[in-house]
């Protein structure tokens, strides 16, 4: 759970930048506040995946 703030912010940044790319393609803009709101629930699976990845790196370093 210590990774959650970092991963949630990374998700928010990626959502915002994806919104800018989508805007360039003719779709609507994702506002920064909207990206932050969506990053709250989407940060949970991202945190879980980041934790698994880090655990794998730690296991690899131990062997």
PDB file of N, CA and C in Angstrom:
ATOM      1  N   UNK A   1       0.819  -1.199   0.000  1.00  0.00           N
ATOM      2  CA  UNK A   1       0.000   0.000   0.000  1.00  0.00           C
ATOM      3  C   UNK A   1       0.866   1.269   0.000  1.00  0.00           C
ATOM      4  N   UNK A   2       2.142   1.098   0.303  1.00  0.00           N
ATOM      5  CA  UNK A   2       3.019   2.272   0.272  1.00  0.00           C
ATOM      6  C   UNK A   2       3.268   2.733  -1.166  1.00  0.00           C
ATOM      7  N   UNK A   3       3.059   1.857  -2.136  1.00  0.00           N
ATOM      8  CA  UNK A   3       3.243   2.219  -3.536  1.00  0.00           C
ATOM      9  C   UNK A   3       2.041   2.958  -4.119  1.00  0.00           C
ATOM     10  N   UNK A   4       0.899   2.900  -3.425  1.00  0.00           N
ATOM     11  CA  UNK A   4      -0.340   3.439  -3.983  1.00  0.00           C
ATOM     12  C   UNK A   4      -0.251   4.913  -4.387  1.00  0.00           C
ATOM     13  N   UNK A   5       0.278   5.810  -3.550  1.00  0.00           N
ATOM     14  CA  UNK A   5       0.318   7.218  -3.982  1.00  0.00           C
ATOM     15  C   UNK A   5       1.122   7.426  -5.267  1.00  0.00           C
ATOM     16  N   UNK A   6       2.244   6.746  -5.381  1.00  0.00           N
ATOM     17  CA  UNK A   6       3.076   6.916  -6.575  1.00  0.00           C
ATOM     18  C   UNK A   6       2.398   6.336  -7.809  1.00  0.00           C
ATOM     19  N   UNK A   7       1.811   5.161  -7.667  1.00  0.00           N
ATOM     20  CA  UNK A   7       1.171   4.552  -8.833  1.00  0.00           C
ATOM     21  C   UNK A   7      -0.111   5.286  -9.216  1.00  0.00           C
ATOM     22  N   UNK A   8      -0.858   5.771  -8.241  1.00  0.00           N
ATOM     23  CA  UNK A   8      -2.079   6.524  -8.562  1.00  0.00           C
ATOM     24  C   UNK A   8      -1.731   7.821  -9.293  1.00  0.00           C
ATOM     25  N   UNK A   9      -0.672   8.482  -8.872  1.00  0.00           N
ATOM     26  CA  UNK A   9      -0.256   9.696  -9.579  1.00  0.00           C
ATOM     27  C   UNK A   9       0.267   9.381 -10.979  1.00  0.00           C
ATOM     28  N   UNK A  10       0.958   8.268 -11.126  1.00  0.00           N
ATOM     29  CA  UNK A  10       1.421   7.861 -12.460  1.00  0.00           C
ATOM     30  C   UNK A  10       0.236   7.567 -13.368  1.00  0.00           C
ATOM     31  N   UNK A  11      -0.794   6.918 -12.827  1.00  0.00           N
ATOM     32  CA  UNK A  11      -2.004   6.660 -13.607  1.00  0.00           C
ATOM     33  C   UNK A  11      -2.667   7.975 -14.005  1.00  0.00           C
ATOM     34  N   UNK A  12      -2.745   8.925 -13.085  1.00  0.00           N
ATOM     35  CA  UNK A  12      -3.360  10.222 -13.392  1.00  0.00           C
ATOM     36  C   UNK A  12      -2.595  10.944 -14.496  1.00  0.00           C
ATOM     37  N   UNK A  13      -1.290  10.930 -14.420  1.00  0.00           N
ATOM     38  CA  UNK A  13      -0.480  11.587 -15.454  1.00  0.00           C
ATOM     39  C   UNK A  13      -0.689  10.911 -16.804  1.00  0.00           C
ATOM     40  N   UNK A  14      -0.703   9.586 -16.808  1.00  0.00           N
ATOM     41  CA  UNK A  14      -0.903   8.862 -18.067  1.00  0.00           C
ATOM     42  C   UNK A  14      -2.294   9.099 -18.638  1.00  0.00           C
ATOM     43  N   UNK A  15      -3.310   9.160 -17.784  1.00  0.00           N
ATOM     44  CA  UNK A  15      -4.653   9.459 -18.276  1.00  0.00           C
ATOM     45  C   UNK A  15      -4.726  10.855 -18.881  1.00  0.00           C
ATOM     46  N   UNK A  16      -4.119  11.822 -18.221  1.00  0.00           N
ATOM     47  CA  UNK A  16      -4.128  13.190 -18.729  1.00  0.00           C
ATOM     48  C   UNK A  16      -3.412  13.273 -20.072  1.00  0.00           C
ATOM     49  N   UNK A  17      -2.249  12.641 -20.171  1.00  0.00           N
ATOM     50  CA  UNK A  17      -1.509  12.679 -21.435  1.00  0.00           C
ATOM     51  C   UNK A  17      -2.231  11.913 -22.537  1.00  0.00           C
ATOM     52  N   UNK A  18      -2.892  10.811 -22.179  1.00  0.00           N
ATOM     53  CA  UNK A  18      -3.692  10.090 -23.169  1.00  0.00           C
ATOM     54  C   UNK A  18      -4.851  10.975 -23.646  1.00  0.00           C
ATOM     55  N   UNK A  19      -5.408  11.783 -22.748  1.00  0.00           N
ATOM     56  CA  UNK A  19      -6.447  12.723 -23.132  1.00  0.00           C
ATOM     57  C   UNK A  19      -5.943  13.783 -24.090  1.00  0.00           C
ATOM     58  N   UNK A  20      -4.714  14.223 -23.888  1.00  0.00           N
ATOM     59  CA  UNK A  20      -4.134  15.200 -24.823  1.00  0.00           C
ATOM     60  C   UNK A  20      -3.918  14.586 -26.200  1.00  0.00           C
ATOM     61  N   UNK A  21      -3.467  13.338 -26.230  1.00  0.00           N
ATOM     62  CA  UNK A  21      -3.295  12.652 -27.516  1.00  0.00           C
ATOM     63  C   UNK A  21      -4.649  12.452 -28.185  1.00  0.00           C
ATOM     64  N   UNK A  22      -5.653  12.035 -27.386  1.00  0.00           N
ATOM     65  CA  UNK A  22      -6.996  11.840 -27.932  1.00  0.00           C
ATOM     66  C   UNK A  22      -7.570  13.148 -28.456  1.00  0.00           C
ATOM     67  N   UNK A  23      -7.276  14.254 -27.784  1.00  0.00           N
ATOM     68  CA  UNK A  23      -7.742  15.561 -28.247  1.00  0.00           C
ATOM     69  C   UNK A  23      -7.125  15.894 -29.608  1.00  0.00           C
ATOM     70  N   UNK A  24      -5.884  15.538 -29.776  1.00  0.00           N
ATOM     71  CA  UNK A  24      -5.236  15.757 -31.065  1.00  0.00           C
ATOM     72  C   UNK A  24      -5.850  14.923 -32.177  1.00  0.00           C
ATOM     73  N   UNK A  25      -6.487  13.819 -31.797  1.00  0.00           N
ATOM     74  CA  UNK A  25      -7.137  12.958 -32.784  1.00  0.00           C
ATOM     75  C   UNK A  25      -8.618  13.300 -32.973  1.00  0.00           C
ATOM     76  N   UNK A  26      -9.085  14.329 -32.265  1.00  0.00           N
ATOM     77  CA  UNK A  26     -10.451  14.781 -32.449  1.00  0.00           C
ATOM     78  C   UNK A  26     -11.421  14.380 -31.355  1.00  0.00           C
ATOM     79  N   UNK A  27     -10.968  13.733 -30.311  1.00  0.00           N
ATOM     80  CA  UNK A  27     -11.845  13.348 -29.209  1.00  0.00           C
ATOM     81  C   UNK A  27     -11.862  14.447 -28.150  1.00  0.00           C
ATOM     82  N   UNK A  28     -12.644  14.238 -27.102  1.00  0.00           N
ATOM     83  CA  UNK A  28     -12.737  15.221 -26.031  1.00  0.00           C
ATOM     84  C   UNK A  28     -11.494  15.249 -25.162  1.00  0.00           C
ATOM     85  N   UNK A  29     -11.365  16.318 -24.404  1.00  0.00           N
ATOM     86  CA  UNK A  29     -10.223  16.512 -23.519  1.00  0.00           C
ATOM     87  C   UNK A  29     -10.523  15.893 -22.159  1.00  0.00           C
ATOM     88  N   UNK A  30      -9.534  15.271 -21.538  1.00  0.00           N
ATOM     89  CA  UNK A  30      -9.651  14.806 -20.159  1.00  0.00           C
ATOM     90  C   UNK A  30      -9.011  15.876 -19.279  1.00  0.00           C
ATOM     91  N   UNK A  31      -9.808  16.491 -18.452  1.00  0.00           N
ATOM     92  CA  UNK A  31      -9.314  17.538 -17.556  1.00  0.00           C
ATOM     93  C   UNK A  31      -8.419  16.931 -16.477  1.00  0.00           C
ATOM     94  N   UNK A  32      -7.474  17.700 -15.923  1.00  0.00           N
ATOM     95  CA  UNK A  32      -6.595  17.166 -14.876  1.00  0.00           C
ATOM     96  C   UNK A  32      -7.339  16.643 -13.648  1.00  0.00           C
ATOM     97  N   UNK A  33      -8.396  17.345 -13.239  1.00  0.00           N
ATOM     98  CA  UNK A  33      -9.154  16.898 -12.064  1.00  0.00           C
ATOM     99  C   UNK A  33      -9.866  15.578 -12.367  1.00  0.00           C
ATOM    100  N   UNK A  34     -10.390  15.445 -13.568  1.00  0.00           N
ATOM    101  CA  UNK A  34     -11.038  14.198 -13.967  1.00  0.00           C
ATOM    102  C   UNK A  34     -10.035  13.051 -13.981  1.00  0.00           C
ATOM    103  N   UNK A  35      -8.836  13.314 -14.461  1.00  0.00           N
ATOM    104  CA  UNK A  35      -7.799  12.280 -14.464  1.00  0.00           C
ATOM    105  C   UNK A  35      -7.442  11.872 -13.038  1.00  0.00           C
ATOM    106  N   UNK A  36      -7.382  12.834 -12.121  1.00  0.00           N
ATOM    107  CA  UNK A  36      -7.102  12.508 -10.720  1.00  0.00           C
ATOM    108  C   UNK A  36      -8.215  11.671 -10.108  1.00  0.00           C
ATOM    109  N   UNK A  37      -9.447  12.005 -10.413  1.00  0.00           N
ATOM    110  CA  UNK A  37     -10.580  11.248  -9.870  1.00  0.00           C
ATOM    111  C   UNK A  37     -10.568   9.814 -10.399  1.00  0.00           C
ATOM    112  N   UNK A  38     -10.323   9.653 -11.686  1.00  0.00           N
ATOM    113  CA  UNK A  38     -10.273   8.307 -12.266  1.00  0.00           C
ATOM    114  C   UNK A  38      -9.073   7.511 -11.786  1.00  0.00           C
ATOM    115  N   UNK A  39      -8.011   8.202 -11.375  1.00  0.00           N
ATOM    116  CA  UNK A  39      -6.814   7.480 -10.932  1.00  0.00           C
ATOM    117  C   UNK A  39      -6.998   6.838  -9.561  1.00  0.00           C
ATOM    118  N   UNK A  40      -7.986   7.288  -8.793  1.00  0.00           N
ATOM    119  CA  UNK A  40      -8.212   6.695  -7.468  1.00  0.00           C
ATOM    120  C   UNK A  40      -8.590   5.217  -7.593  1.00  0.00           C
ATOM    121  N   UNK A  41      -9.622   4.847  -8.367  1.00  0.00           N
ATOM    122  CA  UNK A  41      -9.906   3.409  -8.482  1.00  0.00           C
ATOM    123  C   UNK A  41      -8.927   2.667  -9.394  1.00  0.00           C
ATOM    124  N   UNK A  42      -8.424   3.343 -10.432  1.00  0.00           N
ATOM    125  CA  UNK A  42      -7.501   2.668 -11.347  1.00  0.00           C
ATOM    126  C   UNK A  42      -6.108   2.502 -10.754  1.00  0.00           C
ATOM    127  N   UNK A  43      -5.816   3.221  -9.679  1.00  0.00           N
ATOM    128  CA  UNK A  43      -4.522   3.079  -9.023  1.00  0.00           C
ATOM    129  C   UNK A  43      -4.376   1.774  -8.266  1.00  0.00           C
ATOM    130  N   UNK A  44      -5.494   1.175  -7.850  1.00  0.00           N
ATOM    131  CA  UNK A  44      -5.431  -0.093  -7.101  1.00  0.00           C
ATOM    132  C   UNK A  44      -4.853  -1.241  -7.930  1.00  0.00           C
ATOM    133  N   UNK A  45      -5.368  -1.522  -9.142  1.00  0.00           N
ATOM    134  CA  UNK A  45      -4.733  -2.591  -9.915  1.00  0.00           C
ATOM    135  C   UNK A  45      -3.312  -2.236 -10.346  1.00  0.00           C
ATOM    136  N   UNK A  46      -3.059  -0.960 -10.581  1.00  0.00           N
ATOM    137  CA  UNK A  46      -1.695  -0.553 -10.945  1.00  0.00           C
ATOM    138  C   UNK A  46      -0.737  -0.789  -9.781  1.00  0.00           C
ATOM    139  N   UNK A  47      -1.193  -0.546  -8.565  1.00  0.00           N
ATOM    140  CA  UNK A  47      -0.366  -0.791  -7.384  1.00  0.00           C
ATOM    141  C   UNK A  47      -0.090  -2.275  -7.223  1.00  0.00           C
ATOM    142  N   UNK A  48      -1.117  -3.089  -7.430  1.00  0.00           N
ATOM    143  CA  UNK A  48      -0.945  -4.531  -7.323  1.00  0.00           C
ATOM    144  C   UNK A  48       0.072  -5.036  -8.356  1.00  0.00           C
ATOM    145  N   UNK A  49      -0.042  -4.561  -9.596  1.00  0.00           N
ATOM    146  CA  UNK A  49       0.906  -4.970 -10.638  1.00  0.00           C
ATOM    147  C   UNK A  49       2.323  -4.482 -10.343  1.00  0.00           C
ATOM    148  N   UNK A  50       2.451  -3.262  -9.857  1.00  0.00           N
ATOM    149  CA  UNK A  50       3.775  -2.733  -9.514  1.00  0.00           C
ATOM    150  C   UNK A  50       4.385  -3.526  -8.361  1.00  0.00           C
ATOM    151  N   UNK A  51       3.570  -3.912  -7.394  1.00  0.00           N
ATOM    152  CA  UNK A  51       4.062  -4.720  -6.287  1.00  0.00           C
ATOM    153  C   UNK A  51       4.528  -6.088  -6.731  1.00  0.00           C
ATOM    154  N   UNK A  52       3.779  -6.712  -7.631  1.00  0.00           N
ATOM    155  CA  UNK A  52       4.211  -8.020  -8.163  1.00  0.00           C
ATOM    156  C   UNK A  52       5.516  -7.890  -8.935  1.00  0.00           C
ATOM    157  N   UNK A  53       5.629  -6.812  -9.724  1.00  0.00           N
ATOM    158  CA  UNK A  53       6.835  -6.610 -10.507  1.00  0.00           C
ATOM    159  C   UNK A  53       8.043  -6.401  -9.597  1.00  0.00           C
ATOM    160  N   UNK A  54       7.869  -5.566  -8.559  1.00  0.00           N
ATOM    161  CA  UNK A  54       8.970  -5.326  -7.625  1.00  0.00           C
ATOM    162  C   UNK A  54       9.329  -6.588  -6.843  1.00  0.00           C
ATOM    163  N   UNK A  55       8.318  -7.370  -6.447  1.00  0.00           N
ATOM    164  CA  UNK A  55       8.582  -8.626  -5.735  1.00  0.00           C
ATOM    165  C   UNK A  55       9.388  -9.573  -6.616  1.00  0.00           C
ATOM    166  N   UNK A  56       9.059  -9.624  -7.906  1.00  0.00           N
ATOM    167  CA  UNK A  56       9.817 -10.450  -8.844  1.00  0.00           C
ATOM    168  C   UNK A  56      11.252  -9.979  -8.980  1.00  0.00           C
ATOM    169  N   UNK A  57      11.455  -8.669  -8.998  1.00  0.00           N
ATOM    170  CA  UNK A  57      12.813  -8.144  -9.082  1.00  0.00           C
ATOM    171  C   UNK A  57      13.609  -8.469  -7.816  1.00  0.00           C
ATOM    172  N   UNK A  58      12.945  -8.402  -6.658  1.00  0.00           N
ATOM    173  CA  UNK A  58      13.628  -8.727  -5.405  1.00  0.00           C
ATOM    174  C   UNK A  58      13.962 -10.218  -5.341  1.00  0.00           C
ATOM    175  N   UNK A  59      13.037 -11.069  -5.816  1.00  0.00           N
ATOM    176  CA  UNK A  59      13.322 -12.504  -5.834  1.00  0.00           C
ATOM    177  C   UNK A  59      14.470 -12.833  -6.780  1.00  0.00           C
ATOM    178  N   UNK A  60      14.494 -12.147  -7.913  1.00  0.00           N
ATOM    179  CA  UNK A  60      15.570 -12.357  -8.893  1.00  0.00           C
ATOM    180  C   UNK A  60      16.911 -11.906  -8.313  1.00  0.00           C
ATOM    181  N   UNK A  61      16.915 -10.822  -7.560  1.00  0.00           N
ATOM    182  CA  UNK A  61      18.150 -10.333  -6.969  1.00  0.00           C
ATOM    183  C   UNK A  61      18.650 -11.270  -5.868  1.00  0.00           C
ATOM    184  N   UNK A  62      17.744 -11.944  -5.181  1.00  0.00           N
ATOM    185  CA  UNK A  62      18.150 -12.869  -4.123  1.00  0.00           C
ATOM    186  C   UNK A  62      18.753 -14.157  -4.670  1.00  0.00           C
ATOM    187  N   UNK A  63      18.358 -14.540  -5.872  1.00  0.00           N
ATOM    188  CA  UNK A  63      18.864 -15.809  -6.413  1.00  0.00           C
ATOM    189  C   UNK A  63      20.111 -15.651  -7.240  1.00  0.00           C
TER     190      UNK A  63
END
